[in-house]
Amino acid sequence: MKTTWILGILLTCSTLFFVGACEETSEPLTQTEAQEGLDETMLSSVEASLEADMVEISTQFTMGAALDKAVQQLKMFVSSQIPCSVVTETQNTITIDFGTLEDNCTYLGKTYAGIITITVVKTSLDSTTVTQDWDGLTNGKTTANGTVTVVWDKTNKTRNVVHELVWTRNGKDVFSEGNRTQSLLDETLGAQGGIRIDGFRTKTAGQAMWMLDIDGVEMRPQDPVPQAGVYTLTRPNGKTITYEFVRIDEDTIEVTVTGAKKSFVFHVTSSGQVDEV
């Protein structure tokens, strides 16, 4: 699945979140800016996929199990599903070492490198809390260091994901924080059927911070962009831009980008092709 944090939006300067704050301008959003912003959105989906895959690993134990048994179940899952990794266990914690990218260690069809440490903090029949520490975790396109905390609510069938991460792409670091509530779109298919996300994310580069509000966003692992919902991005200068996602058919998602004085509409196919309407 893809956790909902597609944040790389180009507005009125070069790629957002990996540059400093833009100068204030009264000019309308241009077609080029909207197109490049959508392209960056799709690239940032790679980060969302990495986050979602790692969170999914820590779901693989029975709620209510004793801490030591929960860790044993996690270890068994990782050993069977990611046999290329090196798994070690200490009390209520397991460490997963994917090695380097050259080791070609794959999970859910994607190659990963780096180390994650999963700690089962609390487990009961109603809720479970797990933390993850990421050390140089990478898929070859982006790298993350930091912590992720996941709390499952069995009654509401949701999970709350809070993160503090430093993302590195193209040699540039961006600090990211976020708090989202996620639920499955299809309980039978699980995470592979997609998730609904509500909440927020921030990214900070230098003295500039961007805030992304996430409202009813639906994401599936096979899609390059969300299939439903709205992102509202607030820039450092206080101006906003919205991204509204609507599925047209099984192969096509419509994205409406609305900024200062102007809107643009794009169709994005499952292969990642983008056409302006």
Foldseek 3Di string as FASTA:
>chain_A
DFAPDLDFAFFPDPIPLQDDADDDDLDFTDPVRRVVRVVSSLVSSVVRVLVVQVVVLLVQAAFADPLVRSQVRSVVVCCVQFVCWDWDDDRNKIKTALDDQVSQGDGPRAGKGFMKMKGFPDGRNFKTKIKIATDQIDRVAKTKGFMKIWMAGNVVQKIKIWTWIWMAGPRGTKTKTWIKIKHAPDVVVPPQRWIWIFTKMWIDDDPWIKIKGWARWIDHPQASGTQATKIWMQTRVRFIKMWGWHHPDPFWIWIWIDGNPDIWIWIAGSVGDIDTD
